[in-house]
Amino acid sequence: MHIKTIGIVSPGDMGQAVAIRLKECGFKVLAALEGRSARTKALAQQAGLEDCKSLHNLAARCDLILSIIDPGAALDTARAAAATIATISKPDKPTYADCNALSPQTKLEMELMFQAAGASFIDVGIIGPPPRGSGNVRLYASGPEANVLDAIRHEKLVLRIVSNRVGDAAAVKMCYGAVTKGMIALGTELMVAAQRLGVADALDAELQESQGAIRDWLLNSIPSMPPKAYRWVPETREIAATFEHTGLTPRMMLGAAGMYEFIAATPLGKESPEAARAEKRTGKAVVSALANSGR
């Protein structure tokens, strides 16, 4: 498959950064901004993306569509895309790559939708921060058509093909996400609890002495988390469903989802990632703000 034009659904914090890297590779990158927020439209404009308005126009003009959105909206978006692609008469229908944090079961459900629409489907899991500056992301891909993504290799977009089976990339993402999202949820909760109990300084001293690496990792990870908490709610629920499907308990990750629901409802949780980065808050400042929220 020869890829010239790529569609991004949608150019948010991660999608915009990926789109910029794809443009550096020489691809024409489009976005369907009809009905999108002013923030998303601004991010697309900053990246120099062409707005083709509707999802139908995106599917008609692109060789490859990358879905990089809120996991809670990913399944409905896939349904809409599959229905749209089914109506396209051109011989080479676009390949649809779902890059969202979803369970293997959900990815398999998507695969059936695109098979029915006569299109190829690739399961992708993104690990790492938005590829801006010196940062890069790992794109774990699986499915019979996963090698299509060989065309978009970039030093900041590291492609790792897991297998030819849809669901395997999702499984890697779910298990890895349980480490990051699970630990950040637990670490934030225990620090907020210590703040409310009046023992934050004593706990911090103990963590520095006996768990220094974990403490530092948590305090470095927490500042960027609140604006993403609303997206981490469906992600941690998908992780819980993944674990339950294997016969393990979903309860730990459902607890993490509950913590992110709380954070998403706070003033910090309602900020945009750009606004949060501009504030340059420390981990301790974020914990203190969360401790004073919802009381």
C-alpha atoms as a PDB file:
ATOM      1  CA  MET A   1       0.000   0.000   0.000  1.00  0.00           C
ATOM      2  CA  HIS A   2       1.391   3.398  -1.014  1.00  0.00           C
ATOM      3  CA  ILE A   3       0.528   6.038   1.575  1.00  0.00           C
ATOM      4  CA  LYS A   4       0.459   9.685   0.534  1.00  0.00           C
ATOM      5  CA  THR A   5      -2.345  11.180   2.603  1.00  0.00           C
ATOM      6  CA  ILE A   6      -3.061  10.499   6.283  1.00  0.00           C
ATOM      7  CA  GLY A   7      -6.091  11.555   8.284  1.00  0.00           C
ATOM      8  CA  ILE A   8      -5.867  12.336  11.997  1.00  0.00           C
ATOM      9  CA  VAL A   9      -8.866  11.859  14.267  1.00  0.00           C
ATOM     10  CA  SER A  10      -8.302  14.060  16.182  1.00  0.00           C
ATOM     11  CA  PRO A  11      -5.467  16.593  16.577  1.00  0.00           C
ATOM     12  CA  GLY A  12      -5.568  16.940  20.358  1.00  0.00           C
ATOM     13  CA  ASP A  13      -2.464  16.931  22.536  1.00  0.00           C
ATOM     14  CA  MET A  14      -1.142  13.591  21.236  1.00  0.00           C
ATOM     15  CA  GLY A  15      -2.757  13.669  17.798  1.00  0.00           C
ATOM     16  CA  GLN A  16      -1.336  17.072  16.956  1.00  0.00           C
ATOM     17  CA  ALA A  17       2.197  16.063  17.947  1.00  0.00           C
ATOM     18  CA  VAL A  18       1.977  12.871  15.867  1.00  0.00           C
ATOM     19  CA  ALA A  19       0.584  14.853  12.921  1.00  0.00           C
ATOM     20  CA  ILE A  20       3.537  17.243  13.024  1.00  0.00           C
ATOM     21  CA  ARG A  21       5.964  14.320  12.852  1.00  0.00           C
ATOM     22  CA  LEU A  22       4.021  12.780   9.948  1.00  0.00           C
ATOM     23  CA  LYS A  23       4.278  16.045   8.043  1.00  0.00           C
ATOM     24  CA  GLU A  24       8.039  15.949   8.608  1.00  0.00           C
ATOM     25  CA  CYS A  25       7.992  12.569   6.849  1.00  0.00           C
ATOM     26  CA  GLY A  26       6.467  14.252   3.794  1.00  0.00           C
ATOM     27  CA  PHE A  27       2.871  13.085   4.150  1.00  0.00           C
ATOM     28  CA  LYS A  28      -0.142  15.247   3.466  1.00  0.00           C
ATOM     29  CA  VAL A  29      -2.027  15.254   6.774  1.00  0.00           C
ATOM     30  CA  LEU A  30      -5.726  16.068   7.028  1.00  0.00           C
ATOM     31  CA  ALA A  31      -8.157  16.515   9.889  1.00  0.00           C
ATOM     32  CA  ALA A  32     -11.964  16.473   9.981  1.00  0.00           C
ATOM     33  CA  LEU A  33     -12.788  19.393  12.265  1.00  0.00           C
ATOM     34  CA  GLU A  34     -16.532  19.608  11.786  1.00  0.00           C
ATOM     35  CA  GLY A  35     -18.076  19.746  15.256  1.00  0.00           C
ATOM     36  CA  ARG A  36     -14.703  19.849  17.012  1.00  0.00           C
ATOM     37  CA  SER A  37     -13.854  22.251  19.826  1.00  0.00           C
ATOM     38  CA  ALA A  38     -12.182  25.616  19.319  1.00  0.00           C
ATOM     39  CA  ARG A  39      -9.100  24.212  21.071  1.00  0.00           C
ATOM     40  CA  THR A  40      -8.832  21.271  18.651  1.00  0.00           C
ATOM     41  CA  LYS A  41      -9.270  23.577  15.672  1.00  0.00           C
ATOM     42  CA  ALA A  42      -6.537  25.854  17.017  1.00  0.00           C
ATOM     43  CA  LEU A  43      -4.160  22.926  17.524  1.00  0.00           C
ATOM     44  CA  ALA A  44      -4.825  21.734  13.970  1.00  0.00           C
ATOM     45  CA  GLN A  45      -4.151  25.215  12.606  1.00  0.00           C
ATOM     46  CA  GLN A  46      -0.905  25.467  14.596  1.00  0.00           C
ATOM     47  CA  ALA A  47       0.226  22.171  13.049  1.00  0.00           C
ATOM     48  CA  GLY A  48      -0.705  23.323   9.550  1.00  0.00           C
ATOM     49  CA  LEU A  49      -3.262  20.571   9.011  1.00  0.00           C
ATOM     50  CA  GLU A  50      -5.763  20.834   6.195  1.00  0.00           C
ATOM     51  CA  ASP A  51      -9.359  20.736   7.398  1.00  0.00           C
ATOM     52  CA  CYS A  52     -11.477  18.514   5.171  1.00  0.00           C
ATOM     53  CA  LYS A  53     -14.517  19.180   7.379  1.00  0.00           C
ATOM     54  CA  SER A  54     -16.349  15.842   7.607  1.00  0.00           C
ATOM     55  CA  LEU A  55     -15.392  12.268   8.452  1.00  0.00           C
ATOM     56  CA  HIS A  56     -16.762  11.249   5.047  1.00  0.00           C
ATOM     57  CA  ASN A  57     -14.379  13.627   3.261  1.00  0.00           C
ATOM     58  CA  LEU A  58     -11.511  12.377   5.410  1.00  0.00           C
ATOM     59  CA  ALA A  59     -12.239   8.753   4.485  1.00  0.00           C
ATOM     60  CA  ALA A  60     -12.644   9.605   0.811  1.00  0.00           C
ATOM     61  CA  ARG A  61      -9.341  11.479   0.556  1.00  0.00           C
ATOM     62  CA  CYS A  62      -6.991   9.501   2.836  1.00  0.00           C
ATOM     63  CA  ASP A  63      -5.014   6.307   2.406  1.00  0.00           C
ATOM     64  CA  LEU A  64      -4.628   5.838   6.152  1.00  0.00           C
ATOM     65  CA  ILE A  65      -6.701   7.115   9.081  1.00  0.00           C
ATOM     66  CA  LEU A  66      -5.219   7.268  12.581  1.00  0.00           C
ATOM     67  CA  SER A  67      -7.742   7.504  15.407  1.00  0.00           C
ATOM     68  CA  ILE A  68      -6.084   9.203  18.398  1.00  0.00           C
ATOM     69  CA  ILE A  69      -8.881  10.401  20.662  1.00  0.00           C
ATOM     70  CA  ASP A  70     -10.488  10.046  24.079  1.00  0.00           C
ATOM     71  CA  PRO A  71     -10.814   6.255  24.611  1.00  0.00           C
ATOM     72  CA  GLY A  72     -14.382   6.842  25.757  1.00  0.00           C
ATOM     73  CA  ALA A  73     -15.300   8.075  22.269  1.00  0.00           C
ATOM     74  CA  ALA A  74     -13.173   5.660  20.249  1.00  0.00           C
ATOM     75  CA  LEU A  75     -15.757   2.917  19.695  1.00  0.00           C
ATOM     76  CA  ASP A  76     -18.477   5.294  18.496  1.00  0.00           C
ATOM     77  CA  THR A  77     -15.944   7.010  16.222  1.00  0.00           C
ATOM     78  CA  ALA A  78     -14.938   3.652  14.767  1.00  0.00           C
ATOM     79  CA  ARG A  79     -18.597   2.788  14.115  1.00  0.00           C
ATOM     80  CA  ALA A  80     -19.107   6.098  12.306  1.00  0.00           C
ATOM     81  CA  ALA A  81     -15.906   5.658  10.296  1.00  0.00           C
ATOM     82  CA  ALA A  82     -16.771   2.090   9.281  1.00  0.00           C
ATOM     83  CA  ALA A  83     -20.256   3.151   8.184  1.00  0.00           C
ATOM     84  CA  THR A  84     -18.757   6.003   6.156  1.00  0.00           C
ATOM     85  CA  ILE A  85     -16.038   3.865   4.581  1.00  0.00           C
ATOM     86  CA  ALA A  86     -18.668   1.300   3.546  1.00  0.00           C
ATOM     87  CA  THR A  87     -20.264   3.961   1.308  1.00  0.00           C
ATOM     88  CA  ILE A  88     -17.023   4.889  -0.470  1.00  0.00           C
ATOM     89  CA  SER A  89     -16.828   3.495  -3.990  1.00  0.00           C
ATOM     90  CA  LYS A  90     -13.111   3.919  -4.690  1.00  0.00           C
ATOM     91  CA  PRO A  91     -11.276   0.588  -5.066  1.00  0.00           C
ATOM     92  CA  ASP A  92      -8.651   1.236  -2.394  1.00  0.00           C
ATOM     93  CA  LYS A  93     -10.483   2.053   0.796  1.00  0.00           C
ATOM     94  CA  PRO A  94      -8.485   3.680   3.587  1.00  0.00           C
ATOM     95  CA  THR A  95      -6.881   1.580   6.275  1.00  0.00           C
ATOM     96  CA  TYR A  96      -8.160   2.481   9.743  1.00  0.00           C
ATOM     97  CA  ALA A  97      -5.696   2.322  12.628  1.00  0.00           C
ATOM     98  CA  ASP A  98      -7.201   2.660  16.092  1.00  0.00           C
ATOM     99  CA  CYS A  99      -4.434   4.052  18.305  1.00  0.00           C
ATOM    100  CA  ASN A 100      -6.467   4.362  21.490  1.00  0.00           C
ATOM    101  CA  ALA A 101      -6.091   2.741  24.916  1.00  0.00           C
ATOM    102  CA  LEU A 102      -8.708   0.008  24.546  1.00  0.00           C
ATOM    103  CA  SER A 103      -8.995  -3.629  25.535  1.00  0.00           C
ATOM    104  CA  PRO A 104      -8.179  -6.418  23.072  1.00  0.00           C
ATOM    105  CA  GLN A 105     -11.883  -7.310  23.080  1.00  0.00           C
ATOM    106  CA  THR A 106     -12.834  -3.808  21.940  1.00  0.00           C
ATOM    107  CA  LYS A 107     -10.213  -3.849  19.186  1.00  0.00           C
ATOM    108  CA  LEU A 108     -11.539  -7.190  17.923  1.00  0.00           C
ATOM    109  CA  GLU A 109     -15.036  -5.693  17.822  1.00  0.00           C
ATOM    110  CA  MET A 110     -13.667  -2.849  15.718  1.00  0.00           C
ATOM    111  CA  GLU A 111     -11.914  -5.237  13.351  1.00  0.00           C
ATOM    112  CA  LEU A 112     -15.251  -6.892  12.517  1.00  0.00           C
ATOM    113  CA  MET A 113     -16.772  -3.482  11.735  1.00  0.00           C
ATOM    114  CA  PHE A 114     -14.081  -2.615   9.197  1.00  0.00           C
ATOM    115  CA  GLN A 115     -14.066  -6.070   7.660  1.00  0.00           C
ATOM    116  CA  ALA A 116     -17.789  -5.613   7.012  1.00  0.00           C
ATOM    117  CA  ALA A 117     -17.029  -2.211   5.462  1.00  0.00           C
ATOM    118  CA  GLY A 118     -14.413  -3.746   3.138  1.00  0.00           C
ATOM    119  CA  ALA A 119     -11.503  -1.963   4.799  1.00  0.00           C
ATOM    120  CA  SER A 120      -8.349  -3.012   6.630  1.00  0.00           C
ATOM    121  CA  PHE A 121      -7.953  -2.444  10.363  1.00  0.00           C
ATOM    122  CA  ILE A 122      -4.790  -2.086  12.459  1.00  0.00           C
ATOM    123  CA  ASP A 123      -4.618  -2.287  16.241  1.00  0.00           C
ATOM    124  CA  VAL A 124      -2.178   0.296  17.638  1.00  0.00           C
ATOM    125  CA  GLY A 125      -1.208   1.124  21.207  1.00  0.00           C
ATOM    126  CA  ILE A 126       0.733   4.329  21.870  1.00  0.00           C
ATOM    127  CA  ILE A 127       3.201   4.370  24.759  1.00  0.00           C
ATOM    128  CA  GLY A 128       5.044   7.528  25.734  1.00  0.00           C
ATOM    129  CA  PRO A 129       4.376  11.291  25.884  1.00  0.00           C
ATOM    130  CA  PRO A 130       3.396  13.385  22.844  1.00  0.00           C
ATOM    131  CA  PRO A 131       6.465  13.417  20.548  1.00  0.00           C
ATOM    132  CA  ARG A 132       7.454  17.040  20.944  1.00  0.00           C
ATOM    133  CA  GLY A 133      10.993  18.288  21.370  1.00  0.00           C
ATOM    134  CA  SER A 134      13.281  15.413  22.284  1.00  0.00           C
ATOM    135  CA  GLY A 135      10.433  13.063  23.237  1.00  0.00           C
ATOM    136  CA  ASN A 136       9.294  10.089  21.204  1.00  0.00           C
ATOM    137  CA  VAL A 137       6.495   7.539  21.316  1.00  0.00           C
ATOM    138  CA  ARG A 138       6.401   3.827  20.692  1.00  0.00           C
ATOM    139  CA  LEU A 139       3.668   2.662  18.338  1.00  0.00           C
ATOM    140  CA  TYR A 140       2.880  -0.972  19.121  1.00  0.00           C
ATOM    141  CA  ALA A 141       0.948  -2.408  16.179  1.00  0.00           C
ATOM    142  CA  SER A 142      -0.710  -5.721  15.426  1.00  0.00           C
ATOM    143  CA  GLY A 143      -2.989  -7.251  12.834  1.00  0.00           C
ATOM    144  CA  PRO A 144      -2.641  -8.740   9.338  1.00  0.00           C
ATOM    145  CA  GLU A 145      -1.997  -5.266   7.847  1.00  0.00           C
ATOM    146  CA  ALA A 146       0.254  -3.915  10.603  1.00  0.00           C
ATOM    147  CA  ASN A 147       3.239  -3.675   8.260  1.00  0.00           C
ATOM    148  CA  VAL A 148       1.402  -0.879   6.398  1.00  0.00           C
ATOM    149  CA  LEU A 149       2.690   1.376   9.180  1.00  0.00           C
ATOM    150  CA  ASP A 150       6.287   0.755   8.078  1.00  0.00           C
ATOM    151  CA  ALA A 151       5.747   3.751   5.797  1.00  0.00           C
ATOM    152  CA  ILE A 152       5.390   6.192   8.698  1.00  0.00           C
ATOM    153  CA  ARG A 153       8.610   5.410  10.530  1.00  0.00           C
ATOM    154  CA  HIS A 154      10.211   8.492  12.100  1.00  0.00           C
ATOM    155  CA  GLU A 155      12.876   8.782  14.776  1.00  0.00           C
ATOM    156  CA  LYS A 156      10.180  10.186  17.102  1.00  0.00           C
ATOM    157  CA  LEU A 157       7.570   7.576  16.057  1.00  0.00           C
ATOM    158  CA  VAL A 158       9.129   4.221  16.926  1.00  0.00           C
ATOM    159  CA  LEU A 159       7.138   1.399  15.322  1.00  0.00           C
ATOM    160  CA  ARG A 160       7.090  -2.010  17.026  1.00  0.00           C
ATOM    161  CA  ILE A 161       5.016  -4.678  15.311  1.00  0.00           C
ATOM    162  CA  VAL A 162       3.818  -7.214  17.885  1.00  0.00           C
ATOM    163  CA  SER A 163       2.094  -9.813  15.701  1.00  0.00           C
ATOM    164  CA  ASN A 164      -0.404 -10.317  12.884  1.00  0.00           C
ATOM    165  CA  ARG A 165      -3.243 -10.729  15.394  1.00  0.00           C
ATOM    166  CA  VAL A 166      -5.529  -7.801  16.265  1.00  0.00           C
ATOM    167  CA  GLY A 167      -5.663  -7.368  20.034  1.00  0.00           C
ATOM    168  CA  ASP A 168      -2.017  -8.088  20.796  1.00  0.00           C
ATOM    169  CA  ALA A 169      -0.906  -4.443  20.577  1.00  0.00           C
ATOM    170  CA  ALA A 170      -3.866  -3.520  22.766  1.00  0.00           C
ATOM    171  CA  ALA A 171      -2.819  -6.162  25.288  1.00  0.00           C
ATOM    172  CA  VAL A 172       0.676  -4.641  25.540  1.00  0.00           C
ATOM    173  CA  LYS A 173      -0.833  -1.184  26.023  1.00  0.00           C
ATOM    174  CA  MET A 174      -3.312  -2.396  28.657  1.00  0.00           C
ATOM    175  CA  CYS A 175      -0.698  -4.205  30.732  1.00  0.00           C
ATOM    176  CA  TYR A 176       1.759  -1.308  30.492  1.00  0.00           C
ATOM    177  CA  GLY A 177      -0.977   1.208  31.246  1.00  0.00           C
ATOM    178  CA  ALA A 178      -1.794  -0.657  34.439  1.00  0.00           C
ATOM    179  CA  VAL A 179       1.721   0.187  35.648  1.00  0.00           C
ATOM    180  CA  THR A 180       1.649   3.893  34.820  1.00  0.00           C
ATOM    181  CA  LYS A 181      -2.004   4.777  35.344  1.00  0.00           C
ATOM    182  CA  GLY A 182      -2.360   2.389  38.273  1.00  0.00           C
ATOM    183  CA  MET A 183       0.711   3.648  40.112  1.00  0.00           C
ATOM    184  CA  ILE A 184      -0.077   7.316  39.474  1.00  0.00           C
ATOM    185  CA  ALA A 185      -3.638   6.820  40.753  1.00  0.00           C
ATOM    186  CA  LEU A 186      -2.447   5.036  43.897  1.00  0.00           C
ATOM    187  CA  GLY A 187       0.428   7.448  44.495  1.00  0.00           C
ATOM    188  CA  THR A 188      -1.783  10.504  44.060  1.00  0.00           C
ATOM    189  CA  GLU A 189      -4.436   9.056  46.350  1.00  0.00           C
ATOM    190  CA  LEU A 190      -2.022   8.208  49.157  1.00  0.00           C
ATOM    191  CA  MET A 191      -0.358  11.639  48.944  1.00  0.00           C
ATOM    192  CA  VAL A 192      -3.720  13.426  48.953  1.00  0.00           C
ATOM    193  CA  ALA A 193      -4.800  11.291  51.908  1.00  0.00           C
ATOM    194  CA  ALA A 194      -1.591  12.126  53.796  1.00  0.00           C
ATOM    195  CA  GLN A 195      -2.195  15.828  53.122  1.00  0.00           C
ATOM    196  CA  ARG A 196      -5.739  15.628  54.466  1.00  0.00           C
ATOM    197  CA  LEU A 197      -4.560  13.620  57.488  1.00  0.00           C
ATOM    198  CA  GLY A 198      -1.886  16.200  58.293  1.00  0.00           C
ATOM    199  CA  VAL A 199       1.099  13.856  57.888  1.00  0.00           C
ATOM    200  CA  ALA A 200       2.334  14.856  54.403  1.00  0.00           C
ATOM    201  CA  ASP A 201       5.793  15.982  55.574  1.00  0.00           C
ATOM    202  CA  ALA A 202       6.400  12.854  57.635  1.00  0.00           C
ATOM    203  CA  LEU A 203       5.305  10.606  54.771  1.00  0.00           C
ATOM    204  CA  ASP A 204       7.446  12.508  52.265  1.00  0.00           C
ATOM    205  CA  ALA A 205      10.516  12.140  54.475  1.00  0.00           C
ATOM    206  CA  GLU A 206       9.924   8.393  54.751  1.00  0.00           C
ATOM    207  CA  LEU A 207       9.390   8.030  51.008  1.00  0.00           C
ATOM    208  CA  GLN A 208      12.621   9.929  50.313  1.00  0.00           C
ATOM    209  CA  GLU A 209      14.523   7.622  52.653  1.00  0.00           C
ATOM    210  CA  SER A 210      13.073   4.246  51.712  1.00  0.00           C
ATOM    211  CA  GLN A 211      11.340   4.671  48.308  1.00  0.00           C
ATOM    212  CA  GLY A 212      13.207   7.560  46.723  1.00  0.00           C
ATOM    213  CA  ALA A 213      12.935   6.425  43.106  1.00  0.00           C
ATOM    214  CA  ILE A 214       9.193   5.776  43.360  1.00  0.00           C
ATOM    215  CA  ARG A 215       8.611   9.097  45.155  1.00  0.00           C
ATOM    216  CA  ASP A 216      10.529  11.092  42.551  1.00  0.00           C
ATOM    217  CA  TRP A 217       8.798   9.304  39.664  1.00  0.00           C
ATOM    218  CA  LEU A 218       5.385  10.034  41.157  1.00  0.00           C
ATOM    219  CA  LEU A 219       6.108  13.706  41.831  1.00  0.00           C
ATOM    220  CA  ASN A 220       7.454  14.096  38.276  1.00  0.00           C
ATOM    221  CA  SER A 221       4.425  12.312  36.776  1.00  0.00           C
ATOM    222  CA  ILE A 222       1.626  13.979  38.728  1.00  0.00           C
ATOM    223  CA  PRO A 223       1.821  17.575  37.320  1.00  0.00           C
ATOM    224  CA  SER A 224       0.792  16.605  33.775  1.00  0.00           C
ATOM    225  CA  MET A 225      -1.892  14.135  34.868  1.00  0.00           C
ATOM    226  CA  PRO A 226      -5.007  16.172  35.904  1.00  0.00           C
ATOM    227  CA  PRO A 227      -5.934  17.454  32.396  1.00  0.00           C
ATOM    228  CA  LYS A 228      -5.723  13.866  31.143  1.00  0.00           C
ATOM    229  CA  ALA A 229      -7.725  12.349  34.016  1.00  0.00           C
ATOM    230  CA  TYR A 230     -11.016  12.398  32.112  1.00  0.00           C
ATOM    231  CA  ARG A 231      -9.416  10.238  29.390  1.00  0.00           C
ATOM    232  CA  TRP A 232      -7.797   7.952  31.927  1.00  0.00           C
ATOM    233  CA  VAL A 233     -11.214   7.062  33.366  1.00  0.00           C
ATOM    234  CA  PRO A 234     -12.288   5.021  30.302  1.00  0.00           C
ATOM    235  CA  GLU A 235      -8.721   3.765  29.811  1.00  0.00           C
ATOM    236  CA  THR A 236      -8.488   2.296  33.308  1.00  0.00           C
ATOM    237  CA  ARG A 237     -11.934   0.770  32.859  1.00  0.00           C
ATOM    238  CA  GLU A 238     -10.707  -0.871  29.658  1.00  0.00           C
ATOM    239  CA  ILE A 239      -7.690  -2.202  31.561  1.00  0.00           C
ATOM    240  CA  ALA A 240     -10.046  -3.574  34.214  1.00  0.00           C
ATOM    241  CA  ALA A 241     -12.116  -5.294  31.506  1.00  0.00           C
ATOM    242  CA  THR A 242      -8.923  -6.733  29.982  1.00  0.00           C
ATOM    243  CA  PHE A 243      -7.868  -8.246  33.289  1.00  0.00           C
ATOM    244  CA  GLU A 244     -11.357  -9.568  34.010  1.00  0.00           C
ATOM    245  CA  HIS A 245     -11.407 -11.244  30.583  1.00  0.00           C
ATOM    246  CA  THR A 246      -8.323 -13.243  31.629  1.00  0.00           C
ATOM    247  CA  GLY A 247      -9.998 -14.360  34.856  1.00  0.00           C
ATOM    248  CA  LEU A 248      -8.261 -11.813  37.101  1.00  0.00           C
ATOM    249  CA  THR A 249      -9.840  -9.174  39.300  1.00  0.00           C
ATOM    250  CA  PRO A 250     -10.873  -5.866  37.676  1.00  0.00           C
ATOM    251  CA  ARG A 251     -11.234  -4.163  41.043  1.00  0.00           C
ATOM    252  CA  MET A 252      -7.806  -2.542  41.343  1.00  0.00           C
ATOM    253  CA  MET A 253      -8.093  -0.712  38.043  1.00  0.00           C
ATOM    254  CA  LEU A 254     -11.732   0.185  38.689  1.00  0.00           C
ATOM    255  CA  GLY A 255     -10.438   1.868  41.852  1.00  0.00           C
ATOM    256  CA  ALA A 256      -7.959   3.815  39.718  1.00  0.00           C
ATOM    257  CA  ALA A 257     -10.847   4.850  37.455  1.00  0.00           C
ATOM    258  CA  GLY A 258     -12.676   6.180  40.519  1.00  0.00           C
ATOM    259  CA  MET A 259      -9.642   8.246  41.507  1.00  0.00           C
ATOM    260  CA  TYR A 260      -9.416   9.751  38.024  1.00  0.00           C
ATOM    261  CA  GLU A 261     -13.127  10.568  38.083  1.00  0.00           C
ATOM    262  CA  PHE A 262     -12.499  12.600  41.233  1.00  0.00           C
ATOM    263  CA  ILE A 263      -9.498  14.397  39.689  1.00  0.00           C
ATOM    264  CA  ALA A 264     -11.310  15.117  36.405  1.00  0.00           C
ATOM    265  CA  ALA A 265     -14.015  16.975  38.340  1.00  0.00           C
ATOM    266  CA  THR A 266     -11.551  19.338  40.063  1.00  0.00           C
ATOM    267  CA  PRO A 267     -10.438  22.730  38.672  1.00  0.00           C
ATOM    268  CA  LEU A 268      -7.065  21.221  37.711  1.00  0.00           C
ATOM    269  CA  GLY A 269      -8.830  18.398  35.903  1.00  0.00           C
ATOM    270  CA  LYS A 270     -10.737  20.894  33.776  1.00  0.00           C
ATOM    271  CA  GLU A 271      -7.631  22.688  32.500  1.00  0.00           C
ATOM    272  CA  SER A 272      -6.225  22.004  29.050  1.00  0.00           C
ATOM    273  CA  PRO A 273      -2.821  20.299  28.833  1.00  0.00           C
ATOM    274  CA  GLU A 274      -1.402  23.527  27.386  1.00  0.00           C
ATOM    275  CA  ALA A 275      -2.667  25.595  30.324  1.00  0.00           C
ATOM    276  CA  ALA A 276      -1.329  23.081  32.841  1.00  0.00           C
ATOM    277  CA  ARG A 277       2.115  23.072  31.216  1.00  0.00           C
ATOM    278  CA  ALA A 278       2.186  26.872  31.308  1.00  0.00           C
ATOM    279  CA  GLU A 279       1.585  26.868  35.080  1.00  0.00           C
ATOM    280  CA  LYS A 280       4.670  24.686  35.695  1.00  0.00           C
ATOM    281  CA  ARG A 281       3.257  23.332  38.965  1.00  0.00           C
ATOM    282  CA  THR A 282       5.291  20.890  41.024  1.00  0.00           C
ATOM    283  CA  GLY A 283       3.947  17.499  42.004  1.00  0.00           C
ATOM    284  CA  LYS A 284       3.535  18.669  45.578  1.00  0.00           C
ATOM    285  CA  ALA A 285       1.570  21.732  44.455  1.00  0.00           C
ATOM    286  CA  VAL A 286      -0.808  19.543  42.462  1.00  0.00           C
ATOM    287  CA  VAL A 287      -1.290  17.168  45.409  1.00  0.00           C
ATOM    288  CA  SER A 288      -2.016  20.129  47.690  1.00  0.00           C
ATOM    289  CA  ALA A 289      -4.591  21.534  45.253  1.00  0.00           C
ATOM    290  CA  LEU A 290      -6.291  18.150  44.895  1.00  0.00           C
ATOM    291  CA  ALA A 291      -6.338  17.690  48.667  1.00  0.00           C
ATOM    292  CA  ASN A 292      -8.277  20.936  48.982  1.00  0.00           C
ATOM    293  CA  SER A 293     -10.759  20.012  46.243  1.00  0.00           C
ATOM    294  CA  GLY A 294     -14.122  18.406  46.851  1.00  0.00           C
ATOM    295  CA  ARG A 295     -14.147  18.873  50.616  1.00  0.00           C
END
